[in-house]
C-alpha cells in the first residue's frame, strides 16, 4: 500500500512541477505494485486485508488516471487532441 501511495505522490509532483521523468518512474512503481499485489500479497494475507489492498490500489490508480485526464493539456500538445 505504501508503494501505491508513494507512486501517486510522485505522479502529482510530476504534474505540478512538469517533470515527465518523475511521472514515468511513478508508472514503473505502479506496475511493480500491481505485480506485487497480484502475486505476493494475494497468497500471504487473509481475505479482509486482501480486499483492502485491492481496493486501495484501485483507488490510487483511479486517482492517477484522473490527474492525467485533468492535466492532459500540459502533457500533450494541442495538435494531438
PDB file of N, CA and C in Angstrom:
ATOM      1  N   UNK A   1       0.817  -1.188   0.000  1.00  0.00           N
ATOM      2  CA  UNK A   1       0.000   0.000   0.000  1.00  0.00           C
ATOM      3  C   UNK A   1       0.862   1.253   0.000  1.00  0.00           C
ATOM      4  N   UNK A   2       1.974   1.212   0.697  1.00  0.00           N
ATOM      5  CA  UNK A   2       2.844   2.381   0.733  1.00  0.00           C
ATOM      6  C   UNK A   2       3.450   2.676  -0.634  1.00  0.00           C
ATOM      7  N   UNK A   3       3.729   1.628  -1.406  1.00  0.00           N
ATOM      8  CA  UNK A   3       4.261   1.837  -2.756  1.00  0.00           C
ATOM      9  C   UNK A   3       3.244   2.585  -3.603  1.00  0.00           C
ATOM     10  N   UNK A   4       1.984   2.224  -3.509  1.00  0.00           N
ATOM     11  CA  UNK A   4       0.940   2.887  -4.298  1.00  0.00           C
ATOM     12  C   UNK A   4       0.769   4.339  -3.870  1.00  0.00           C
ATOM     13  N   UNK A   5       0.841   4.606  -2.592  1.00  0.00           N
ATOM     14  CA  UNK A   5       0.733   5.979  -2.098  1.00  0.00           C
ATOM     15  C   UNK A   5       1.928   6.804  -2.582  1.00  0.00           C
ATOM     16  N   UNK A   6       3.116   6.230  -2.511  1.00  0.00           N
ATOM     17  CA  UNK A   6       4.306   6.924  -2.971  1.00  0.00           C
ATOM     18  C   UNK A   6       4.243   7.189  -4.475  1.00  0.00           C
ATOM     19  N   UNK A   7       3.769   6.217  -5.245  1.00  0.00           N
ATOM     20  CA  UNK A   7       3.646   6.393  -6.697  1.00  0.00           C
ATOM     21  C   UNK A   7       2.624   7.472  -7.034  1.00  0.00           C
ATOM     22  N   UNK A   8       1.536   7.544  -6.282  1.00  0.00           N
ATOM     23  CA  UNK A   8       0.548   8.598  -6.503  1.00  0.00           C
ATOM     24  C   UNK A   8       1.144   9.964  -6.192  1.00  0.00           C
ATOM     25  N   UNK A   9       1.908  10.043  -5.132  1.00  0.00           N
ATOM     26  CA  UNK A   9       2.592  11.290  -4.800  1.00  0.00           C
ATOM     27  C   UNK A   9       3.586  11.700  -5.873  1.00  0.00           C
ATOM     28  N   UNK A  10       4.320  10.720  -6.401  1.00  0.00           N
ATOM     29  CA  UNK A  10       5.259  11.006  -7.484  1.00  0.00           C
ATOM     30  C   UNK A  10       4.524  11.514  -8.716  1.00  0.00           C
ATOM     31  N   UNK A  11       3.373  10.946  -9.018  1.00  0.00           N
ATOM     32  CA  UNK A  11       2.582  11.395 -10.158  1.00  0.00           C
ATOM     33  C   UNK A  11       2.132  12.839  -9.960  1.00  0.00           C
ATOM     34  N   UNK A  12       1.641  13.155  -8.782  1.00  0.00           N
ATOM     35  CA  UNK A  12       1.173  14.516  -8.507  1.00  0.00           C
ATOM     36  C   UNK A  12       2.316  15.524  -8.599  1.00  0.00           C
ATOM     37  N   UNK A  13       3.447  15.201  -8.002  1.00  0.00           N
ATOM     38  CA  UNK A  13       4.598  16.106  -8.075  1.00  0.00           C
ATOM     39  C   UNK A  13       5.085  16.241  -9.512  1.00  0.00           C
ATOM     40  N   UNK A  14       5.077  15.152 -10.252  1.00  0.00           N
ATOM     41  CA  UNK A  14       5.469  15.196 -11.656  1.00  0.00           C
ATOM     42  C   UNK A  14       4.575  16.101 -12.479  1.00  0.00           C
ATOM     43  N   UNK A  15       3.296  16.162 -12.150  1.00  0.00           N
ATOM     44  CA  UNK A  15       2.383  17.056 -12.860  1.00  0.00           C
ATOM     45  C   UNK A  15       2.602  18.505 -12.469  1.00  0.00           C
ATOM     46  N   UNK A  16       2.647  18.756 -11.178  1.00  0.00           N
ATOM     47  CA  UNK A  16       2.707  20.138 -10.725  1.00  0.00           C
ATOM     48  C   UNK A  16       4.050  20.796 -11.020  1.00  0.00           C
ATOM     49  N   UNK A  17       5.104  20.007 -11.115  1.00  0.00           N
ATOM     50  CA  UNK A  17       6.423  20.564 -11.438  1.00  0.00           C
ATOM     51  C   UNK A  17       6.833  20.303 -12.882  1.00  0.00           C
ATOM     52  N   UNK A  18       5.939  19.739 -13.662  1.00  0.00           N
ATOM     53  CA  UNK A  18       6.178  19.423 -15.084  1.00  0.00           C
ATOM     54  C   UNK A  18       7.453  18.605 -15.273  1.00  0.00           C
ATOM     55  N   UNK A  19       7.504  17.475 -14.588  1.00  0.00           N
ATOM     56  CA  UNK A  19       8.656  16.574 -14.670  1.00  0.00           C
ATOM     57  C   UNK A  19       8.215  15.228 -15.244  1.00  0.00           C
ATOM     58  N   UNK A  20       8.397  15.031 -16.549  1.00  0.00           N
ATOM     59  CA  UNK A  20       7.954  13.773 -17.169  1.00  0.00           C
ATOM     60  C   UNK A  20       8.685  12.546 -16.622  1.00  0.00           C
ATOM     61  N   UNK A  21       9.967  12.673 -16.292  1.00  0.00           N
ATOM     62  CA  UNK A  21      10.704  11.509 -15.775  1.00  0.00           C
ATOM     63  C   UNK A  21      10.117  11.011 -14.462  1.00  0.00           C
ATOM     64  N   UNK A  22       9.675  11.928 -13.647  1.00  0.00           N
ATOM     65  CA  UNK A  22       9.063  11.533 -12.373  1.00  0.00           C
ATOM     66  C   UNK A  22       7.760  10.792 -12.617  1.00  0.00           C
ATOM     67  N   UNK A  23       7.002  11.241 -13.613  1.00  0.00           N
ATOM     68  CA  UNK A  23       5.758  10.536 -13.945  1.00  0.00           C
ATOM     69  C   UNK A  23       6.044   9.154 -14.505  1.00  0.00           C
ATOM     70  N   UNK A  24       7.099   9.020 -15.312  1.00  0.00           N
ATOM     71  CA  UNK A  24       7.462   7.700 -15.846  1.00  0.00           C
ATOM     72  C   UNK A  24       7.911   6.760 -14.731  1.00  0.00           C
ATOM     73  N   UNK A  25       8.636   7.297 -13.765  1.00  0.00           N
ATOM     74  CA  UNK A  25       9.038   6.478 -12.618  1.00  0.00           C
ATOM     75  C   UNK A  25       7.822   6.035 -11.810  1.00  0.00           C
ATOM     76  N   UNK A  26       6.818   6.913 -11.729  1.00  0.00           N
ATOM     77  CA  UNK A  26       5.609   6.518 -10.999  1.00  0.00           C
ATOM     78  C   UNK A  26       4.865   5.411 -11.736  1.00  0.00           C
ATOM     79  N   UNK A  27       4.902   5.431 -13.098  1.00  0.00           N
ATOM     80  CA  UNK A  27       4.324   4.320 -13.859  1.00  0.00           C
ATOM     81  C   UNK A  27       5.018   3.007 -13.520  1.00  0.00           C
ATOM     82  N   UNK A  28       6.346   3.051 -13.467  1.00  0.00           N
ATOM     83  CA  UNK A  28       7.107   1.838 -13.149  1.00  0.00           C
ATOM     84  C   UNK A  28       6.780   1.346 -11.743  1.00  0.00           C
ATOM     85  N   UNK A  29       6.667   2.274 -10.795  1.00  0.00           N
ATOM     86  CA  UNK A  29       6.343   1.886  -9.428  1.00  0.00           C
ATOM     87  C   UNK A  29       4.921   1.350  -9.319  1.00  0.00           C
ATOM     88  N   UNK A  30       3.971   1.943 -10.039  1.00  0.00           N
ATOM     89  CA  UNK A  30       2.611   1.402 -10.068  1.00  0.00           C
ATOM     90  C   UNK A  30       2.617  -0.013 -10.649  1.00  0.00           C
ATOM     91  N   UNK A  31       3.383  -0.223 -11.697  1.00  0.00           N
ATOM     92  CA  UNK A  31       3.458  -1.562 -12.304  1.00  0.00           C
ATOM     93  C   UNK A  31       4.021  -2.575 -11.329  1.00  0.00           C
ATOM     94  N   UNK A  32       5.089  -2.201 -10.639  1.00  0.00           N
ATOM     95  CA  UNK A  32       5.678  -3.107  -9.642  1.00  0.00           C
ATOM     96  C   UNK A  32       4.684  -3.380  -8.515  1.00  0.00           C
ATOM     97  N   UNK A  33       3.928  -2.371  -8.126  1.00  0.00           N
ATOM     98  CA  UNK A  33       2.930  -2.533  -7.067  1.00  0.00           C
ATOM     99  C   UNK A  33       1.830  -3.491  -7.493  1.00  0.00           C
ATOM    100  N   UNK A  34       1.373  -3.352  -8.732  1.00  0.00           N
ATOM    101  CA  UNK A  34       0.321  -4.242  -9.231  1.00  0.00           C
ATOM    102  C   UNK A  34       0.810  -5.681  -9.261  1.00  0.00           C
ATOM    103  N   UNK A  35       2.019  -5.893  -9.745  1.00  0.00           N
ATOM    104  CA  UNK A  35       2.581  -7.244  -9.788  1.00  0.00           C
ATOM    105  C   UNK A  35       2.717  -7.799  -8.379  1.00  0.00           C
ATOM    106  N   UNK A  36       3.200  -6.983  -7.449  1.00  0.00           N
ATOM    107  CA  UNK A  36       3.359  -7.429  -6.062  1.00  0.00           C
ATOM    108  C   UNK A  36       2.011  -7.797  -5.441  1.00  0.00           C
ATOM    109  N   UNK A  37       1.007  -6.953  -5.648  1.00  0.00           N
ATOM    110  CA  UNK A  37      -0.312  -7.225  -5.057  1.00  0.00           C
ATOM    111  C   UNK A  37      -0.905  -8.503  -5.628  1.00  0.00           C
ATOM    112  N   UNK A  38      -0.806  -8.682  -6.942  1.00  0.00           N
ATOM    113  CA  UNK A  38      -1.422  -9.857  -7.557  1.00  0.00           C
ATOM    114  C   UNK A  38      -0.697 -11.157  -7.230  1.00  0.00           C
ATOM    115  N   UNK A  39       0.616 -11.129  -7.158  1.00  0.00           N
ATOM    116  CA  UNK A  39       1.344 -12.386  -6.994  1.00  0.00           C
ATOM    117  C   UNK A  39       1.853 -12.644  -5.584  1.00  0.00           C
ATOM    118  N   UNK A  40       2.130 -11.619  -4.822  1.00  0.00           N
ATOM    119  CA  UNK A  40       2.698 -11.831  -3.494  1.00  0.00           C
ATOM    120  C   UNK A  40       1.638 -11.681  -2.412  1.00  0.00           C
ATOM    121  N   UNK A  41       0.972 -10.550  -2.377  1.00  0.00           N
ATOM    122  CA  UNK A  41       0.007 -10.266  -1.313  1.00  0.00           C
ATOM    123  C   UNK A  41      -1.208 -11.173  -1.369  1.00  0.00           C
ATOM    124  N   UNK A  42      -1.573 -11.589  -2.551  1.00  0.00           N
ATOM    125  CA  UNK A  42      -2.762 -12.425  -2.696  1.00  0.00           C
ATOM    126  C   UNK A  42      -2.612 -13.758  -1.979  1.00  0.00           C
ATOM    127  N   UNK A  43      -1.402 -14.253  -1.883  1.00  0.00           N
ATOM    128  CA  UNK A  43      -1.222 -15.572  -1.270  1.00  0.00           C
ATOM    129  C   UNK A  43      -0.870 -15.507   0.209  1.00  0.00           C
ATOM    130  N   UNK A  44      -0.371 -14.368   0.679  1.00  0.00           N
ATOM    131  CA  UNK A  44       0.128 -14.301   2.052  1.00  0.00           C
ATOM    132  C   UNK A  44      -0.811 -13.683   3.080  1.00  0.00           C
ATOM    133  N   UNK A  45      -1.819 -12.966   2.647  1.00  0.00           N
ATOM    134  CA  UNK A  45      -2.670 -12.270   3.600  1.00  0.00           C
ATOM    135  C   UNK A  45      -4.070 -12.862   3.638  1.00  0.00           C
ATOM    136  N   UNK A  46      -4.755 -12.562   4.722  1.00  0.00           N
ATOM    137  CA  UNK A  46      -6.124 -13.061   4.854  1.00  0.00           C
ATOM    138  C   UNK A  46      -7.062 -12.239   3.962  1.00  0.00           C
ATOM    139  N   UNK A  47      -8.254 -12.719   3.815  1.00  0.00           N
ATOM    140  CA  UNK A  47      -9.211 -12.135   2.882  1.00  0.00           C
ATOM    141  C   UNK A  47      -9.537 -10.668   3.145  1.00  0.00           C
ATOM    142  N   UNK A  48      -9.806 -10.242   4.368  1.00  0.00           N
ATOM    143  CA  UNK A  48     -10.124  -8.808   4.560  1.00  0.00           C
ATOM    144  C   UNK A  48      -8.974  -7.880   4.142  1.00  0.00           C
ATOM    145  N   UNK A  49      -7.748  -8.256   4.466  1.00  0.00           N
ATOM    146  CA  UNK A  49      -6.611  -7.425   4.083  1.00  0.00           C
ATOM    147  C   UNK A  49      -6.366  -7.471   2.577  1.00  0.00           C
ATOM    148  N   UNK A  50      -6.650  -8.584   1.970  1.00  0.00           N
ATOM    149  CA  UNK A  50      -6.534  -8.715   0.516  1.00  0.00           C
ATOM    150  C   UNK A  50      -7.533  -7.787  -0.174  1.00  0.00           C
ATOM    151  N   UNK A  51      -8.754  -7.777   0.315  1.00  0.00           N
ATOM    152  CA  UNK A  51      -9.778  -6.895  -0.237  1.00  0.00           C
ATOM    153  C   UNK A  51      -9.372  -5.435  -0.066  1.00  0.00           C
ATOM    154  N   UNK A  52      -8.875  -5.096   1.111  1.00  0.00           N
ATOM    155  CA  UNK A  52      -8.447  -3.729   1.386  1.00  0.00           C
ATOM    156  C   UNK A  52      -7.286  -3.314   0.482  1.00  0.00           C
ATOM    157  N   UNK A  53      -6.329  -4.199   0.271  1.00  0.00           N
ATOM    158  CA  UNK A  53      -5.190  -3.840  -0.569  1.00  0.00           C
ATOM    159  C   UNK A  53      -5.610  -3.639  -2.021  1.00  0.00           C
ATOM    160  N   UNK A  54      -6.508  -4.476  -2.538  1.00  0.00           N
ATOM    161  CA  UNK A  54      -7.006  -4.289  -3.894  1.00  0.00           C
ATOM    162  C   UNK A  54      -7.827  -3.006  -4.009  1.00  0.00           C
ATOM    163  N   UNK A  55      -8.612  -2.709  -3.009  1.00  0.00           N
ATOM    164  CA  UNK A  55      -9.430  -1.508  -3.020  1.00  0.00           C
ATOM    165  C   UNK A  55      -8.559  -0.250  -3.015  1.00  0.00           C
ATOM    166  N   UNK A  56      -7.567  -0.211  -2.146  1.00  0.00           N
ATOM    167  CA  UNK A  56      -6.684   0.953  -2.075  1.00  0.00           C
ATOM    168  C   UNK A  56      -5.883   1.101  -3.362  1.00  0.00           C
ATOM    169  N   UNK A  57      -5.383   0.003  -3.892  1.00  0.00           N
ATOM    170  CA  UNK A  57      -4.644   0.064  -5.144  1.00  0.00           C
ATOM    171  C   UNK A  57      -5.529   0.591  -6.273  1.00  0.00           C
ATOM    172  N   UNK A  58      -6.747   0.137  -6.347  1.00  0.00           N
ATOM    173  CA  UNK A  58      -7.674   0.618  -7.365  1.00  0.00           C
ATOM    174  C   UNK A  58      -7.970   2.102  -7.228  1.00  0.00           C
ATOM    175  N   UNK A  59      -8.130   2.572  -5.995  1.00  0.00           N
ATOM    176  CA  UNK A  59      -8.379   3.997  -5.777  1.00  0.00           C
ATOM    177  C   UNK A  59      -7.171   4.840  -6.169  1.00  0.00           C
ATOM    178  N   UNK A  60      -5.981   4.356  -5.867  1.00  0.00           N
ATOM    179  CA  UNK A  60      -4.764   5.081  -6.247  1.00  0.00           C
ATOM    180  C   UNK A  60      -4.616   5.145  -7.763  1.00  0.00           C
ATOM    181  N   UNK A  61      -4.871   4.050  -8.433  1.00  0.00           N
ATOM    182  CA  UNK A  61      -4.783   4.044  -9.893  1.00  0.00           C
ATOM    183  C   UNK A  61      -5.845   4.956 -10.511  1.00  0.00           C
ATOM    184  N   UNK A  62      -6.995   4.961  -9.917  1.00  0.00           N
ATOM    185  CA  UNK A  62      -8.057   5.845 -10.413  1.00  0.00           C
ATOM    186  C   UNK A  62      -7.686   7.313 -10.207  1.00  0.00           C
ATOM    187  N   UNK A  63      -7.053   7.623  -9.081  1.00  0.00           N
ATOM    188  CA  UNK A  63      -6.597   8.990  -8.830  1.00  0.00           C
ATOM    189  C   UNK A  63      -5.540   9.432  -9.827  1.00  0.00           C
ATOM    190  N   UNK A  64      -4.603   8.553 -10.134  1.00  0.00           N
ATOM    191  CA  UNK A  64      -3.578   8.879 -11.130  1.00  0.00           C
ATOM    192  C   UNK A  64      -4.211   9.064 -12.502  1.00  0.00           C
ATOM    193  N   UNK A  65      -5.179   8.246 -12.823  1.00  0.00           N
ATOM    194  CA  UNK A  65      -5.900   8.389 -14.086  1.00  0.00           C
ATOM    195  C   UNK A  65      -6.625   9.729 -14.154  1.00  0.00           C
ATOM    196  N   UNK A  66      -7.215  10.147 -13.068  1.00  0.00           N
ATOM    197  CA  UNK A  66      -7.892  11.441 -13.011  1.00  0.00           C
ATOM    198  C   UNK A  66      -6.899  12.574 -13.247  1.00  0.00           C
ATOM    199  N   UNK A  67      -5.727  12.492 -12.621  1.00  0.00           N
ATOM    200  CA  UNK A  67      -4.722  13.529 -12.816  1.00  0.00           C
ATOM    201  C   UNK A  67      -4.298  13.624 -14.278  1.00  0.00           C
ATOM    202  N   UNK A  68      -4.100  12.486 -14.914  1.00  0.00           N
ATOM    203  CA  UNK A  68      -3.710  12.501 -16.320  1.00  0.00           C
ATOM    204  C   UNK A  68      -4.811  13.100 -17.189  1.00  0.00           C
ATOM    205  N   UNK A  69      -6.040  12.791 -16.900  1.00  0.00           N
ATOM    206  CA  UNK A  69      -7.152  13.343 -17.681  1.00  0.00           C
ATOM    207  C   UNK A  69      -7.284  14.850 -17.455  1.00  0.00           C
ATOM    208  N   UNK A  70      -7.157  15.258 -16.223  1.00  0.00           N
ATOM    209  CA  UNK A  70      -7.323  16.676 -15.890  1.00  0.00           C
ATOM    210  C   UNK A  70      -6.219  17.550 -16.478  1.00  0.00           C
ATOM    211  N   UNK A  71      -4.988  17.071 -16.477  1.00  0.00           N
ATOM    212  CA  UNK A  71      -3.850  17.867 -16.924  1.00  0.00           C
ATOM    213  C   UNK A  71      -3.305  17.410 -18.273  1.00  0.00           C
ATOM    214  N   UNK A  72      -4.132  16.822 -19.111  1.00  0.00           N
ATOM    215  CA  UNK A  72      -3.647  16.344 -20.400  1.00  0.00           C
ATOM    216  C   UNK A  72      -3.200  17.482 -21.302  1.00  0.00           C
ATOM    217  N   UNK A  73      -3.722  18.681 -21.107  1.00  0.00           N
ATOM    218  CA  UNK A  73      -3.295  19.840 -21.878  1.00  0.00           C
ATOM    219  C   UNK A  73      -1.861  20.226 -21.593  1.00  0.00           C
ATOM    220  N   UNK A  74      -1.383  19.972 -20.377  1.00  0.00           N
ATOM    221  CA  UNK A  74       0.009  20.245 -20.026  1.00  0.00           C
ATOM    222  C   UNK A  74       0.956  19.193 -20.588  1.00  0.00           C
ATOM    223  N   UNK A  75       0.454  17.991 -20.752  1.00  0.00           N
ATOM    224  CA  UNK A  75       1.312  16.888 -21.159  1.00  0.00           C
ATOM    225  C   UNK A  75       1.407  16.788 -22.677  1.00  0.00           C
ATOM    226  N   UNK A  76       0.263  16.825 -23.329  1.00  0.00           N
ATOM    227  CA  UNK A  76       0.223  16.635 -24.778  1.00  0.00           C
ATOM    228  C   UNK A  76       0.040  17.968 -25.488  1.00  0.00           C
ATOM    229  N   UNK A  77       0.675  18.143 -26.625  1.00  0.00           N
ATOM    230  CA  UNK A  77       0.464  19.397 -27.384  1.00  0.00           C
ATOM    231  C   UNK A  77      -0.984  19.494 -27.880  1.00  0.00           C
ATOM    232  N   UNK A  78      -1.396  20.680 -28.192  1.00  0.00           N
ATOM    233  CA  UNK A  78      -2.778  20.919 -28.631  1.00  0.00           C
ATOM    234  C   UNK A  78      -3.102  20.208 -29.947  1.00  0.00           C
ATOM    235  N   UNK A  79      -2.102  19.980 -30.803  1.00  0.00           N
ATOM    236  CA  UNK A  79      -2.361  19.359 -32.108  1.00  0.00           C
ATOM    237  C   UNK A  79      -2.771  17.903 -31.997  1.00  0.00           C
ATOM    238  N   UNK A  80      -2.419  17.219 -30.922  1.00  0.00           N
ATOM    239  CA  UNK A  80      -2.762  15.806 -30.752  1.00  0.00           C
ATOM    240  C   UNK A  80      -4.228  15.656 -30.375  1.00  0.00           C
ATOM    241  N   UNK A  81      -4.782  16.567 -29.605  1.00  0.00           N
ATOM    242  CA  UNK A  81      -6.164  16.451 -29.154  1.00  0.00           C
ATOM    243  C   UNK A  81      -7.038  16.467 -30.331  1.00  0.00           C
TER     244      UNK A  81
END
